[in-house]
Amino acid sequence: MTIPVRPGAARPTARPGTPDPLAPLLDLPGVRAAADAARAGIDRLLGHRVLRRESAGVSTESALRGARASAALAGVDVPLAELRAGSVGDPVVQGSLRVSAALGSMVETWPKAPGQVLARLHVLAAADLADRADLGRPAPHAGARLSGLFSVVTGATTVPAVVVAGLVHGELAALAPFGTADGVVARGAARLTGIARGLDPKAVSVPEVGFAELGREAYGEALAGYASGRPEGVAAWLVHCCRATEHGALEGLAICESLLRG
């Protein structure tokens, strides 16, 4: 399993003279500093010498560890060794694995047709959890808010990619548009956003592990703060996402070091 992506990725920026609707996010308490720290952590990872020759191997291991962590955040925590051995049949875990394996093929499409990609993510994540007729079909209540989110995904902004990814993650997880496997879908979409916007173009960090290391309870509390819509809640969520990204970069460095040692 791997996330095969192109060596570089664009970092969309707002057109000169055009108001950036996401810019106020950087003025929320702690967000700008947390985003800078996350970017620095990812840059340290991307500078690791192993990535000059083994980026595909790091991405493969990153995808596996990310799938495991995403399933753990959904309540199904299994040993990495069992996952590596292919001995885990739990539907949540299998859905998370399918999402991780497919992300690379969606990187180009996500910024152009996010609705199409989101539906595909749900089909992969919930194939064994929901009725076939419901797969990839958001509930009616989600329509207007999803349209707004899709405008964010397809639009240009000067806001750092880690913040945009946190916004995508928070919106999808809080909205729960499908009613099944929404967390796995949200984490997959957030990772796609980071890859497509140039935060981690080689897909070698493991942000899902970062969230898991910070704790499932802390994840739920931060997400509830985002869902409240209060500025302090949104700020706390985005800072939490940035911290998870830093931890995910360290996990990527650990993968690089393990490959270096052979």
Protein backbone atom coordinates (compact mmCIF):
# COMPACT_ATOMS: atom_id res chain seq x y z
CA MET A 1 0.00 0.00 0.00
CA THR A 2 1.34 3.42 -0.90
CA ILE A 3 0.30 6.97 -1.63
CA PRO A 4 2.01 7.57 -4.99
CA VAL A 5 2.11 11.31 -5.53
CA ARG A 6 4.07 13.60 -7.77
CA PRO A 7 7.38 14.98 -6.42
CA GLY A 8 6.03 18.48 -5.98
CA ALA A 9 2.62 20.02 -5.47
CA ALA A 10 1.20 23.48 -5.98
CA ARG A 11 0.51 25.78 -3.08
CA PRO A 12 -2.56 27.75 -4.20
CA THR A 13 -2.51 31.40 -3.26
CA ALA A 14 -5.18 34.06 -3.43
CA ARG A 15 -5.12 36.40 -6.41
CA PRO A 16 -3.75 39.88 -5.71
CA GLY A 17 -6.49 42.27 -4.65
CA THR A 18 -8.96 39.48 -3.89
CA PRO A 19 -10.15 39.25 -0.27
CA ASP A 20 -9.08 36.00 1.33
CA PRO A 21 -12.04 34.63 3.35
CA LEU A 22 -9.79 32.32 5.35
CA ALA A 23 -7.28 34.98 6.40
CA PRO A 24 -9.03 35.74 9.74
CA LEU A 25 -8.26 32.20 10.88
CA LEU A 26 -4.62 33.18 11.30
CA ASP A 27 -5.61 35.91 13.75
CA LEU A 28 -7.27 33.43 16.11
CA PRO A 29 -5.26 32.86 19.32
CA GLY A 30 -2.26 30.60 18.77
CA VAL A 31 -3.10 29.55 15.22
CA ARG A 32 -0.36 31.39 13.33
CA ALA A 33 2.43 30.19 15.66
CA ALA A 34 1.10 26.61 15.63
CA ALA A 35 0.93 26.61 11.84
CA ASP A 36 4.51 27.85 11.60
CA ALA A 37 5.67 25.11 13.98
CA ALA A 38 3.84 22.46 11.98
CA ARG A 39 5.40 23.70 8.75
CA ALA A 40 8.85 23.62 10.33
CA GLY A 41 8.31 20.06 11.50
CA ILE A 42 7.24 18.89 8.05
CA ASP A 43 10.18 20.70 6.45
CA ARG A 44 12.59 18.85 8.75
CA LEU A 45 11.04 15.58 7.64
CA LEU A 46 11.17 16.46 3.95
CA GLY A 47 14.88 17.23 4.31
CA HIS A 48 15.73 13.72 5.54
CA ARG A 49 18.31 12.07 3.29
CA VAL A 50 16.34 8.80 3.05
CA LEU A 51 13.69 10.59 1.01
CA ARG A 52 16.15 11.12 -1.83
CA ARG A 53 15.94 7.43 -2.65
CA GLU A 54 13.24 5.84 -0.48
CA SER A 55 10.29 8.25 -0.47
CA ALA A 56 7.99 5.58 -1.89
CA GLY A 57 8.92 3.19 0.92
CA VAL A 58 8.32 5.87 3.54
CA SER A 59 4.97 6.73 1.97
CA THR A 60 3.95 3.07 1.99
CA GLU A 61 4.70 2.71 5.68
CA SER A 62 3.08 6.09 6.38
CA ALA A 63 -0.13 4.92 4.71
CA LEU A 64 -0.23 1.78 6.82
CA ARG A 65 0.41 3.58 10.10
CA GLY A 66 -2.04 6.30 9.16
CA ALA A 67 -4.77 3.76 8.47
CA ARG A 68 -4.18 2.07 11.81
CA ALA A 69 -4.31 5.38 13.69
CA SER A 70 -7.43 6.55 11.88
CA ALA A 71 -9.21 3.32 12.80
CA ALA A 72 -8.04 3.73 16.41
CA LEU A 73 -9.56 7.22 16.50
CA ALA A 74 -12.79 5.60 15.27
CA GLY A 75 -12.66 3.22 18.23
CA VAL A 76 -10.92 0.16 16.75
CA ASP A 77 -7.31 -0.02 17.91
CA VAL A 78 -5.34 -2.99 16.57
CA PRO A 79 -1.62 -3.82 16.78
CA LEU A 80 0.45 -2.64 13.84
CA ALA A 81 2.03 -6.08 13.51
CA GLU A 82 -1.38 -7.70 12.98
CA LEU A 83 -2.30 -5.07 10.44
CA ARG A 84 0.96 -5.61 8.61
CA ALA A 85 0.32 -9.36 8.59
CA GLY A 86 -3.11 -8.85 7.01
CA SER A 87 -4.89 -10.66 9.82
CA VAL A 88 -7.40 -7.92 10.76
CA GLY A 89 -10.84 -8.19 9.21
CA ASP A 90 -12.66 -5.51 11.20
CA PRO A 91 -14.77 -3.40 8.78
CA VAL A 92 -13.63 -0.08 10.25
CA VAL A 93 -9.99 -1.07 9.88
CA GLN A 94 -10.51 -2.39 6.37
CA GLY A 95 -12.27 0.82 5.36
CA SER A 96 -9.44 2.89 6.77
CA LEU A 97 -6.91 0.78 4.86
CA ARG A 98 -8.82 1.23 1.61
CA VAL A 99 -8.95 5.00 2.10
CA SER A 100 -5.20 5.24 2.79
CA ALA A 101 -4.34 3.09 -0.21
CA ALA A 102 -6.45 5.19 -2.58
CA LEU A 103 -5.39 8.69 -1.57
CA GLY A 104 -2.62 8.96 -4.14
CA SER A 105 -5.02 8.44 -7.02
CA MET A 106 -7.22 11.28 -5.76
CA VAL A 107 -4.65 14.04 -5.27
CA GLU A 108 -5.14 15.60 -8.71
CA THR A 109 -8.93 15.40 -8.59
CA TRP A 110 -9.52 16.64 -5.04
CA PRO A 111 -8.88 20.37 -5.73
CA LYS A 112 -11.03 20.23 -8.89
CA ALA A 113 -13.95 17.95 -7.98
CA PRO A 114 -14.06 17.51 -4.20
CA GLY A 115 -17.63 16.24 -4.23
CA GLN A 116 -16.67 13.35 -6.47
CA VAL A 117 -13.68 12.49 -4.30
CA LEU A 118 -15.64 12.77 -1.06
CA ALA A 119 -18.22 10.30 -2.36
CA ARG A 120 -15.45 7.90 -3.33
CA LEU A 121 -13.84 8.21 0.09
CA HIS A 122 -17.11 7.23 1.72
CA VAL A 123 -17.59 4.26 -0.59
CA LEU A 124 -14.14 3.02 0.44
CA ALA A 125 -14.50 3.76 4.14
CA ALA A 126 -18.02 2.44 4.64
CA ALA A 127 -18.27 -0.41 2.12
CA ASP A 128 -18.80 -2.95 4.91
CA LEU A 129 -20.66 -0.64 7.28
CA ALA A 130 -23.53 0.91 5.31
CA ASP A 131 -26.16 -0.18 2.81
CA ARG A 132 -24.90 -0.06 -0.75
CA ALA A 133 -27.59 2.46 -1.69
CA ASP A 134 -26.29 4.88 0.95
CA LEU A 135 -22.62 4.75 -0.02
CA GLY A 136 -21.24 8.06 -1.26
CA ARG A 137 -24.54 9.87 -0.69
CA PRO A 138 -24.46 12.77 1.78
CA ALA A 139 -27.60 13.35 3.82
CA PRO A 140 -29.83 16.25 2.69
CA HIS A 141 -28.96 18.30 5.78
CA ALA A 142 -25.33 18.48 4.67
CA GLY A 143 -25.88 20.01 1.24
CA ALA A 144 -25.41 23.73 1.87
CA ARG A 145 -22.49 23.32 4.25
CA LEU A 146 -20.73 20.90 1.92
CA SER A 147 -21.06 23.40 -0.90
CA GLY A 148 -19.29 25.97 1.23
CA LEU A 149 -16.56 23.49 2.09
CA PHE A 150 -16.07 22.59 -1.57
CA SER A 151 -15.52 26.29 -2.29
CA VAL A 152 -12.71 26.24 0.27
CA VAL A 153 -11.14 23.14 -1.29
CA THR A 154 -11.24 24.51 -4.84
CA GLY A 155 -10.40 28.11 -3.92
CA ALA A 156 -7.10 29.90 -3.57
CA THR A 157 -5.84 31.23 -0.25
CA THR A 158 -2.71 32.55 1.41
CA VAL A 159 -3.52 30.63 4.60
CA PRO A 160 -1.06 27.77 5.32
CA ALA A 161 -2.08 24.35 4.06
CA VAL A 162 -2.07 22.88 7.56
CA VAL A 163 -4.82 25.32 8.56
CA VAL A 164 -6.87 24.57 5.44
CA ALA A 165 -6.49 20.84 6.14
CA GLY A 166 -7.67 21.41 9.71
CA LEU A 167 -10.69 23.31 8.45
CA VAL A 168 -11.59 20.51 6.01
CA HIS A 169 -11.11 17.92 8.76
CA GLY A 170 -13.21 19.83 11.28
CA GLU A 171 -16.05 20.57 8.89
CA LEU A 172 -16.44 16.99 7.73
CA ALA A 173 -16.03 15.42 11.15
CA ALA A 174 -18.46 17.85 12.80
CA LEU A 175 -21.01 17.75 9.99
CA ALA A 176 -20.93 13.94 9.62
CA PRO A 177 -22.55 14.14 6.18
CA PHE A 178 -22.84 10.38 5.63
CA GLY A 179 -23.70 9.03 9.06
CA THR A 180 -21.14 6.22 8.86
CA ALA A 181 -17.35 6.31 8.76
CA ASP A 182 -17.39 10.12 8.72
CA GLY A 183 -14.25 10.35 10.85
CA VAL A 184 -12.24 8.14 8.53
CA VAL A 185 -13.51 10.17 5.57
CA ALA A 186 -12.65 13.46 7.28
CA ARG A 187 -9.12 12.36 8.09
CA GLY A 188 -8.60 11.12 4.55
CA ALA A 189 -9.85 14.40 3.10
CA ALA A 190 -7.62 16.40 5.44
CA ARG A 191 -4.59 14.39 4.40
CA LEU A 192 -5.48 14.91 0.74
CA THR A 193 -5.65 18.65 1.38
CA GLY A 194 -2.18 18.67 2.92
CA ILE A 195 -0.72 16.71 0.02
CA ALA A 196 -2.45 18.68 -2.73
CA ARG A 197 -1.58 22.07 -1.22
CA GLY A 198 2.10 21.27 -0.83
CA LEU A 199 2.36 20.75 2.91
CA ASP A 200 3.55 17.16 2.48
CA PRO A 201 3.71 16.53 -1.28
CA LYS A 202 5.46 13.17 -0.85
CA ALA A 203 2.90 11.91 1.69
CA VAL A 204 5.56 10.82 4.17
CA SER A 205 4.23 12.29 7.41
CA VAL A 206 1.52 10.55 9.44
CA PRO A 207 -0.89 13.15 10.83
CA GLU A 208 -3.35 10.47 11.92
CA VAL A 209 -0.73 9.11 14.31
CA GLY A 210 -0.31 12.63 15.64
CA PHE A 211 -3.99 12.83 16.53
CA ALA A 212 -3.88 9.37 18.10
CA GLU A 213 -0.83 10.26 20.19
CA LEU A 214 -2.54 13.38 21.50
CA GLY A 215 -5.38 11.13 22.62
CA ARG A 216 -8.83 10.15 21.45
CA GLU A 217 -10.46 12.12 24.27
CA ALA A 218 -8.52 15.27 23.41
CA TYR A 219 -9.47 14.77 19.76
CA GLY A 220 -13.16 14.61 20.65
CA GLU A 221 -12.96 17.65 22.92
CA ALA A 222 -11.15 19.73 20.30
CA LEU A 223 -13.64 18.70 17.63
CA ALA A 224 -16.56 19.60 19.90
CA GLY A 225 -14.99 23.03 20.33
CA TYR A 226 -14.83 23.45 16.57
CA ALA A 227 -18.42 22.29 16.16
CA SER A 228 -19.56 24.92 18.67
CA GLY A 229 -18.61 27.62 16.19
CA ARG A 230 -17.14 29.81 18.92
CA PRO A 231 -13.88 31.53 17.93
CA GLU A 232 -12.01 30.03 20.87
CA GLY A 233 -13.28 26.56 19.94
CA VAL A 234 -12.25 26.94 16.31
CA ALA A 235 -8.84 28.23 17.38
CA ALA A 236 -8.29 25.33 19.77
CA TRP A 237 -9.19 22.82 17.06
CA LEU A 238 -6.85 24.35 14.50
CA VAL A 239 -4.01 24.47 17.05
CA HIS A 240 -4.74 20.83 17.88
CA CYS A 241 -4.50 19.95 14.17
CA CYS A 242 -1.18 21.76 13.90
CA ARG A 243 0.19 19.93 16.94
CA ALA A 244 -0.96 16.61 15.47
CA THR A 245 0.82 17.53 12.26
CA GLU A 246 4.04 18.11 14.22
CA HIS A 247 3.69 14.70 15.87
CA GLY A 248 2.94 13.19 12.47
CA ALA A 249 6.16 14.64 11.10
CA LEU A 250 8.09 13.00 13.94
CA GLU A 251 6.45 9.69 13.04
CA GLY A 252 7.62 10.18 9.47
CA LEU A 253 11.16 10.83 10.73
CA ALA A 254 10.98 7.61 12.73
CA ILE A 255 10.02 5.72 9.57
CA CYS A 256 12.96 7.30 7.72
CA GLU A 257 15.36 6.32 10.47
CA SER A 258 14.08 2.74 10.52
CA LEU A 259 14.68 2.45 6.78
CA LEU A 260 18.12 3.98 7.19
CA ARG A 261 19.02 1.31 9.70
CA GLY A 262 17.64 -1.36 7.39
